[in-house]
Amino acid sequence: MKQFHSFGWYAARIAPYLPEEAFRPVPSRLFGGLAYMLVLVSSIVTISLFDLHWLWNGLLSVVIGFCFAGLGFLGHEILHGTVVKRAWLRDLLGGIAFLPLCTGPKLWRKWHNATHHVHTQHEELDPDAWPTIKRLAQSRFLRWIYRIPFPIRAAFSFLSLAGMFTVHSLHMLLHFWKEFEKGSRRAVFWQFVLPWSVWIGLLLMIGVEKWLFAFVIPLLIGNAIVMGYISTNHRLNPLVPVNDPLANSLTVIVPKWVDVLHFNFSHHTEHHLFPAMSSKYYPLVKQYIKQLWPERYHEMPMTKALIALWKTPRLYYEQTELIEPREGYVYGTLGNGLNIDDLSYKTKENVVVKQKMVKQK
């Protein structure tokens, strides 16, 4: 794909086909959040008050973890302004929804809405983009990481999904701290501290063992579910000079009932075309994208996307390729030669990188 278009270019051509209500907030999405919250609170109360067998506590941990993820997806939607429009209510509800994953609304809107969405898959400006071989050559830490054999790195990368969202949130807090106005920093700080205060307070109330089932295990499960989606959103796509959602984003296919539980979070290309639209209407947007630009649109079953992530490296080589620097194996990206059914590679000798790695040994 050589010609890029901005998300506004696509949106302007699809918008006339969409009903007027698609551009209005959908407060009824909050009923799903209420259901998640009721199940979550009742499960935590059950673990706290009763001395259940660890198998029952483990089952409740899974339920709570699914609720953590579901509320995270709803929080994402709320903070885009697609559920309620009043800013104070948006931040309040979004903060409650993101409380399980320990992320504050002001930080999220700065990191995700104002930066990631504006600069998606930009080599330097997208805080969620993966590094390039240029950054590898400049970073001793990255060179150390990429000296580790690829199968070990791939396994660790997938295991780290169980904590990556919460850890990355802390990283983003430090990354963007100086960009917040001094008057906003206090709110950003307390929005970070409050969720942890709630969960640490729960620890003091119920003890370590029950806290592991009520919070720690669910946090790992919630992170894994959320990051399972996020890892497929862009990591198989190229870095791009223009924020073109059909080039830099991927929609994954999951069962319909999963889409209902996860607020259509699988429709990620559609979300980048219309971030201020309720995800309720993304299946309709998808229909029109596939009618107008079928050759540009990227979608695949989520399982295939995760397998492709497992088998390909996470280091960009010249924006449109992924490279495993230890061996010089180069893979394409979506729209640039990556065949999901045949994840073959070509070999390139990268003498500079190999020499730098040798120096670090």
Protein backbone atom coordinates (compact mmCIF):
# COMPACT_ATOMS: atom_id res chain seq x y z
CA MET A 1 0.00 0.00 0.00
CA LYS A 2 1.83 3.08 -1.22
CA GLN A 3 -0.87 5.74 -1.04
CA PHE A 4 -1.99 6.76 2.44
CA HIS A 5 -5.07 8.67 3.56
CA SER A 6 -5.85 10.22 6.92
CA PHE A 7 -8.63 8.84 9.12
CA GLY A 8 -10.62 12.00 8.31
CA TRP A 9 -10.44 11.19 4.59
CA TYR A 10 -12.06 7.80 5.17
CA ALA A 11 -14.53 9.09 7.76
CA ALA A 12 -15.79 11.81 5.43
CA ARG A 13 -16.65 9.19 2.80
CA ILE A 14 -18.41 6.79 5.17
CA ALA A 15 -20.26 9.30 7.38
CA PRO A 16 -23.02 10.09 4.80
CA TYR A 17 -24.10 6.43 4.87
CA LEU A 18 -24.45 6.28 8.65
CA PRO A 19 -27.60 7.11 10.65
CA GLU A 20 -27.64 10.33 12.69
CA GLU A 21 -27.90 8.43 15.98
CA ALA A 22 -24.49 6.86 15.31
CA PHE A 23 -22.92 10.22 16.16
CA ARG A 24 -24.70 10.61 19.49
CA PRO A 25 -23.70 9.31 22.93
CA VAL A 26 -25.21 5.98 23.98
CA PRO A 27 -25.77 6.14 27.76
CA SER A 28 -27.38 2.68 27.76
CA ARG A 29 -23.86 1.22 27.54
CA LEU A 30 -23.64 1.97 31.27
CA PHE A 31 -26.05 -0.90 32.00
CA GLY A 32 -23.32 -3.29 30.92
CA GLY A 33 -20.91 -1.57 33.28
CA LEU A 34 -23.43 -1.80 36.11
CA ALA A 35 -23.78 -5.53 35.54
CA TYR A 36 -20.01 -5.97 35.61
CA MET A 37 -19.75 -3.89 38.78
CA LEU A 38 -22.44 -5.87 40.60
CA VAL A 39 -20.79 -9.18 39.74
CA LEU A 40 -17.35 -7.83 40.66
CA VAL A 41 -18.38 -6.41 44.03
CA SER A 42 -20.44 -9.45 45.02
CA SER A 43 -17.55 -11.77 44.11
CA ILE A 44 -15.05 -9.74 46.14
CA VAL A 45 -17.45 -9.65 49.10
CA THR A 46 -17.91 -13.43 48.87
CA ILE A 47 -14.14 -14.03 48.92
CA SER A 48 -13.73 -11.56 51.80
CA LEU A 49 -16.48 -12.86 54.10
CA PHE A 50 -16.34 -16.61 53.57
CA ASP A 51 -13.52 -19.11 54.00
CA LEU A 52 -14.05 -20.92 50.73
CA HIS A 53 -11.92 -23.68 49.26
CA TRP A 54 -9.17 -22.26 47.09
CA LEU A 55 -10.80 -23.77 43.99
CA TRP A 56 -13.94 -21.71 44.56
CA ASN A 57 -11.86 -18.62 45.24
CA GLY A 58 -9.94 -19.32 42.05
CA LEU A 59 -13.17 -19.53 40.06
CA LEU A 60 -14.32 -16.23 41.55
CA SER A 61 -10.92 -14.73 40.64
CA VAL A 62 -11.53 -15.64 37.00
CA VAL A 63 -14.97 -14.03 37.13
CA ILE A 64 -13.54 -10.87 38.71
CA GLY A 65 -10.75 -10.79 36.12
CA PHE A 66 -13.29 -10.91 33.29
CA CYS A 67 -15.12 -8.04 34.99
CA PHE A 68 -11.89 -6.05 35.26
CA ALA A 69 -11.37 -6.42 31.50
CA GLY A 70 -14.99 -5.65 30.62
CA LEU A 71 -14.95 -2.50 32.72
CA GLY A 72 -11.67 -1.50 31.07
CA PHE A 73 -13.26 -1.75 27.63
CA LEU A 74 -16.20 0.32 28.83
CA GLY A 75 -13.86 2.88 30.42
CA HIS A 76 -12.10 3.23 27.08
CA GLU A 77 -15.44 3.96 25.43
CA ILE A 78 -16.58 6.38 28.14
CA LEU A 79 -13.38 8.44 28.01
CA HIS A 80 -13.78 8.87 24.25
CA GLY A 81 -17.02 10.70 25.03
CA THR A 82 -19.28 8.15 23.36
CA VAL A 83 -21.37 7.32 26.42
CA VAL A 84 -21.87 10.68 28.17
CA LYS A 85 -20.81 14.15 27.04
CA ARG A 86 -20.42 16.11 30.26
CA ALA A 87 -16.70 16.24 31.00
CA TRP A 88 -16.94 15.80 34.78
CA LEU A 89 -19.31 12.84 34.46
CA ARG A 90 -17.21 11.32 31.69
CA ASP A 91 -14.10 11.46 33.86
CA LEU A 92 -15.93 10.19 36.95
CA LEU A 93 -17.45 7.19 35.20
CA GLY A 94 -14.29 6.53 33.21
CA GLY A 95 -12.22 6.66 36.38
CA ILE A 96 -14.53 4.15 38.11
CA ALA A 97 -14.39 1.82 35.09
CA PHE A 98 -10.58 2.01 34.94
CA LEU A 99 -10.12 1.70 38.72
CA PRO A 100 -9.61 -2.11 38.55
CA LEU A 101 -6.72 -1.65 36.07
CA CYS A 102 -5.29 1.28 38.10
CA THR A 103 -5.35 3.92 35.36
CA GLY A 104 -6.58 7.51 35.78
CA PRO A 105 -8.87 9.27 33.28
CA LYS A 106 -6.73 12.38 32.71
CA LEU A 107 -3.64 10.29 32.01
CA TRP A 108 -5.60 7.99 29.70
CA ARG A 109 -7.02 10.84 27.65
CA LYS A 110 -3.56 12.41 27.29
CA TRP A 111 -1.79 9.17 26.45
CA HIS A 112 -4.46 7.42 24.40
CA ASN A 113 -6.87 10.00 22.97
CA ALA A 114 -4.57 12.96 22.40
CA THR A 115 -1.36 11.13 21.49
CA HIS A 116 -1.85 7.54 20.34
CA HIS A 117 -4.92 8.31 18.21
CA VAL A 118 -3.33 11.39 16.65
CA HIS A 119 0.03 9.72 15.89
CA THR A 120 -0.86 6.06 15.46
CA GLN A 121 2.13 3.97 14.38
CA HIS A 122 4.35 7.00 14.02
CA GLU A 123 7.92 5.93 14.65
CA GLU A 124 8.69 8.65 17.18
CA LEU A 125 5.37 10.16 18.33
CA ASP A 126 3.17 7.15 19.13
CA PRO A 127 3.89 6.08 22.73
CA ASP A 128 2.51 2.60 21.97
CA ALA A 129 4.59 1.93 18.83
CA TRP A 130 7.29 -0.72 18.99
CA PRO A 131 10.93 0.23 18.45
CA THR A 132 12.90 0.37 15.22
CA ILE A 133 16.33 -0.98 14.44
CA LYS A 134 17.57 2.60 14.68
CA ARG A 135 16.50 2.75 18.33
CA LEU A 136 18.07 -0.65 18.91
CA ALA A 137 21.43 0.71 17.79
CA GLN A 138 21.05 3.65 20.19
CA SER A 139 19.94 1.73 23.27
CA ARG A 140 22.19 -0.55 25.32
CA PHE A 141 19.15 -1.92 27.14
CA LEU A 142 17.37 -2.87 23.89
CA ARG A 143 20.54 -4.50 22.55
CA TRP A 144 20.70 -6.58 25.74
CA ILE A 145 17.05 -7.58 25.33
CA TYR A 146 17.50 -8.59 21.69
CA ARG A 147 20.53 -10.74 22.49
CA ILE A 148 18.11 -13.09 24.25
CA PRO A 149 17.08 -15.95 21.89
CA PHE A 150 13.84 -15.23 20.08
CA PRO A 151 11.80 -18.17 21.48
CA ILE A 152 12.57 -17.02 25.03
CA ARG A 153 11.70 -13.41 24.18
CA ALA A 154 8.44 -14.49 22.54
CA ALA A 155 7.44 -16.55 25.57
CA PHE A 156 8.30 -13.74 27.98
CA SER A 157 6.44 -11.24 25.79
CA PHE A 158 3.25 -13.29 26.00
CA LEU A 159 3.61 -13.91 29.73
CA SER A 160 4.13 -10.18 30.27
CA LEU A 161 0.69 -9.46 28.80
CA ALA A 162 -0.67 -10.42 32.23
CA GLY A 163 0.72 -7.21 33.69
CA MET A 164 1.61 -5.02 30.74
CA PHE A 165 -1.39 -2.68 30.72
CA THR A 166 -0.93 -1.65 34.34
CA VAL A 167 2.86 -1.43 34.03
CA HIS A 168 2.63 0.59 30.81
CA SER A 169 0.19 2.95 32.53
CA LEU A 170 2.85 3.72 35.14
CA HIS A 171 5.38 4.25 32.37
CA MET A 172 3.01 6.65 30.61
CA LEU A 173 2.50 8.58 33.87
CA LEU A 174 6.24 9.18 34.08
CA HIS A 175 6.54 9.82 30.34
CA PHE A 176 3.83 12.50 30.18
CA TRP A 177 4.20 14.01 33.66
CA LYS A 178 6.04 17.13 32.52
CA GLU A 179 3.56 17.72 29.69
CA PHE A 180 0.69 18.23 32.12
CA GLU A 181 0.14 21.79 33.26
CA LYS A 182 1.09 22.32 36.88
CA GLY A 183 -2.55 22.86 37.80
CA SER A 184 -3.47 19.45 36.37
CA ARG A 185 -0.66 17.45 37.91
CA ARG A 186 -2.32 17.20 41.30
CA ALA A 187 -5.44 15.64 39.76
CA VAL A 188 -3.35 13.27 37.63
CA PHE A 189 -1.36 12.22 40.70
CA TRP A 190 -4.42 11.56 42.86
CA GLN A 191 -6.14 9.71 40.03
CA PHE A 192 -3.13 7.40 40.01
CA VAL A 193 -2.96 7.05 43.81
CA LEU A 194 -6.69 6.50 44.46
CA PRO A 195 -7.08 3.10 42.74
CA TRP A 196 -4.01 1.73 44.48
CA SER A 197 -5.28 3.11 47.80
CA VAL A 198 -8.54 1.20 47.31
CA TRP A 199 -6.78 -2.08 46.58
CA ILE A 200 -4.17 -1.68 49.32
CA GLY A 201 -6.99 -0.80 51.71
CA LEU A 202 -8.70 -4.05 50.72
CA LEU A 203 -5.44 -5.88 51.47
CA LEU A 204 -5.37 -4.47 55.00
CA MET A 205 -9.00 -5.48 55.53
CA ILE A 206 -8.97 -9.09 54.30
CA GLY A 207 -5.33 -10.23 54.47
CA VAL A 208 -2.84 -11.37 51.88
CA GLU A 209 -4.30 -14.75 50.94
CA LYS A 210 -7.80 -13.50 50.16
CA TRP A 211 -6.37 -10.37 48.53
CA LEU A 212 -4.51 -12.52 46.04
CA PHE A 213 -7.83 -14.02 44.91
CA ALA A 214 -9.80 -10.77 45.15
CA PHE A 215 -7.33 -8.50 43.33
CA VAL A 216 -3.93 -9.83 42.24
CA ILE A 217 -5.08 -12.82 40.20
CA PRO A 218 -8.01 -10.87 38.68
CA LEU A 219 -5.62 -8.03 37.80
CA LEU A 220 -3.39 -10.48 35.92
CA ILE A 221 -6.39 -11.99 34.12
CA GLY A 222 -7.84 -8.57 33.27
CA ASN A 223 -4.49 -7.38 31.94
CA ALA A 224 -4.09 -10.52 29.84
CA ILE A 225 -7.52 -10.12 28.23
CA VAL A 226 -7.12 -6.40 27.54
CA MET A 227 -3.58 -6.80 26.24
CA GLY A 228 -4.62 -9.78 24.14
CA TYR A 229 -6.62 -7.29 22.10
CA ILE A 230 -4.21 -4.36 22.33
CA SER A 231 -1.27 -6.48 21.18
CA THR A 232 -3.12 -7.29 17.95
CA ASN A 233 -4.32 -3.73 17.29
CA HIS A 234 -1.19 -2.48 15.53
CA ARG A 235 1.80 -4.75 16.13
CA LEU A 236 1.46 -6.64 12.84
CA ASN A 237 1.00 -3.39 10.91
CA PRO A 238 3.72 -1.12 9.50
CA LEU A 239 4.93 2.18 10.84
CA VAL A 240 3.42 4.87 8.62
CA PRO A 241 4.13 8.50 7.70
CA VAL A 242 0.39 9.30 7.57
CA ASN A 243 -2.13 8.20 10.21
CA ASP A 244 -3.99 5.84 7.90
CA PRO A 245 -6.16 3.43 9.95
CA LEU A 246 -6.56 1.00 7.07
CA ALA A 247 -2.78 0.69 6.91
CA ASN A 248 -1.84 0.87 10.58
CA SER A 249 -4.69 -0.96 12.35
CA LEU A 250 -6.14 -4.46 12.48
CA THR A 251 -9.66 -5.64 13.31
CA VAL A 252 -9.84 -9.10 14.84
CA ILE A 253 -12.71 -11.57 14.62
CA VAL A 254 -14.13 -13.04 17.81
CA PRO A 255 -17.45 -14.79 18.54
CA LYS A 256 -20.48 -12.49 18.61
CA TRP A 257 -21.11 -13.09 22.31
CA VAL A 258 -17.52 -12.02 23.06
CA ASP A 259 -18.11 -8.81 21.11
CA VAL A 260 -21.16 -8.16 23.27
CA LEU A 261 -19.22 -8.72 26.51
CA HIS A 262 -16.26 -6.62 25.30
CA PHE A 263 -18.20 -3.72 23.77
CA ASN A 264 -17.01 -4.48 20.20
CA PHE A 265 -13.41 -3.75 21.15
CA SER A 266 -12.36 -6.16 18.40
CA HIS A 267 -13.36 -3.53 15.80
CA HIS A 268 -10.18 -1.52 16.06
CA THR A 269 -9.84 -0.16 12.53
CA GLU A 270 -13.38 1.15 12.82
CA HIS A 271 -12.52 2.74 16.16
CA HIS A 272 -9.59 4.63 14.64
CA LEU A 273 -11.84 5.96 11.88
CA PHE A 274 -14.51 7.13 14.34
CA PRO A 275 -13.03 7.33 17.85
CA ALA A 276 -15.87 9.58 19.04
CA MET A 277 -18.55 7.10 17.90
CA SER A 278 -20.08 4.45 20.14
CA SER A 279 -18.70 1.03 19.36
CA LYS A 280 -22.32 -0.11 19.10
CA TYR A 281 -22.19 1.12 15.48
CA TYR A 282 -18.79 -0.30 14.50
CA PRO A 283 -20.21 -3.41 12.80
CA LEU A 284 -22.11 -1.04 10.48
CA VAL A 285 -18.94 0.99 9.82
CA LYS A 286 -17.16 -2.27 9.05
CA GLN A 287 -19.71 -3.13 6.36
CA TYR A 288 -19.07 0.13 4.53
CA ILE A 289 -15.28 -0.12 4.82
CA LYS A 290 -15.40 -3.57 3.24
CA GLN A 291 -17.63 -2.29 0.47
CA LEU A 292 -15.50 0.76 -0.34
CA TRP A 293 -11.93 -0.44 0.31
CA PRO A 294 -11.90 -4.25 0.59
CA GLU A 295 -8.30 -4.51 -0.64
CA ARG A 296 -7.05 -2.13 2.08
CA TYR A 297 -8.93 -3.53 5.05
CA HIS A 298 -7.17 -5.90 7.47
CA GLU A 299 -9.07 -8.39 9.59
CA MET A 300 -8.41 -11.90 10.84
CA PRO A 301 -9.47 -14.26 13.63
CA MET A 302 -7.94 -13.22 16.93
CA THR A 303 -6.29 -16.63 17.36
CA LYS A 304 -4.46 -16.23 14.04
CA ALA A 305 -3.33 -12.72 14.99
CA LEU A 306 -1.93 -13.98 18.32
CA ILE A 307 -0.12 -16.87 16.61
CA ALA A 308 1.40 -14.41 14.12
CA LEU A 309 2.57 -12.23 17.02
CA TRP A 310 4.16 -15.26 18.65
CA LYS A 311 6.05 -16.20 15.49
CA THR A 312 7.26 -12.75 14.38
CA PRO A 313 9.69 -10.33 16.06
CA ARG A 314 8.69 -6.95 17.50
CA LEU A 315 11.38 -4.76 15.96
CA TYR A 316 10.80 -2.65 12.86
CA TYR A 317 13.18 -2.60 9.93
CA GLU A 318 12.57 0.27 7.50
CA GLN A 319 8.99 0.83 8.74
CA THR A 320 7.31 -1.87 6.65
CA GLU A 321 9.22 -4.92 7.84
CA LEU A 322 9.94 -6.70 11.12
CA ILE A 323 13.41 -8.03 11.84
CA GLU A 324 14.92 -10.59 14.18
CA PRO A 325 18.36 -8.98 14.56
CA ARG A 326 20.21 -12.00 15.99
CA GLU A 327 19.66 -13.98 12.82
CA GLY A 328 18.85 -11.25 10.31
CA TYR A 329 15.42 -12.77 9.60
CA VAL A 330 13.04 -10.22 8.05
CA TYR A 331 9.25 -10.56 7.93
CA GLY A 332 6.70 -8.39 6.16
CA THR A 333 3.88 -6.48 7.83
CA LEU A 334 0.19 -6.40 6.95
CA GLY A 335 -0.14 -4.90 3.47
CA ASN A 336 3.59 -5.37 2.95
CA GLY A 337 4.10 -9.06 2.28
CA LEU A 338 3.07 -10.64 5.58
CA ASN A 339 1.15 -13.84 4.83
CA ILE A 340 -0.60 -15.00 8.00
CA ASP A 341 -0.97 -18.53 6.61
CA ASP A 342 2.70 -18.77 5.65
CA LEU A 343 4.90 -16.79 8.04
CA SER A 344 8.06 -17.13 5.99
CA TYR A 345 11.00 -14.76 6.20
CA LYS A 346 13.91 -13.59 4.12
CA THR A 347 17.43 -13.20 5.37
CA LYS A 348 19.29 -9.91 5.51
CA GLU A 349 22.76 -9.40 6.84
CA ASN A 350 22.69 -6.58 9.32
CA VAL A 351 26.38 -6.19 10.02
CA VAL A 352 26.02 -2.99 12.07
CA VAL A 353 23.56 -4.49 14.50
CA LYS A 354 25.49 -7.73 14.83
CA GLN A 355 28.73 -5.89 15.50
CA LYS A 356 27.07 -3.75 18.17
CA MET A 357 25.72 -6.88 19.82
CA VAL A 358 29.13 -8.49 19.80
CA LYS A 359 30.60 -5.43 21.54
CA GLN A 360 28.07 -5.82 24.36
CA LYS A 361 29.05 -9.45 25.06
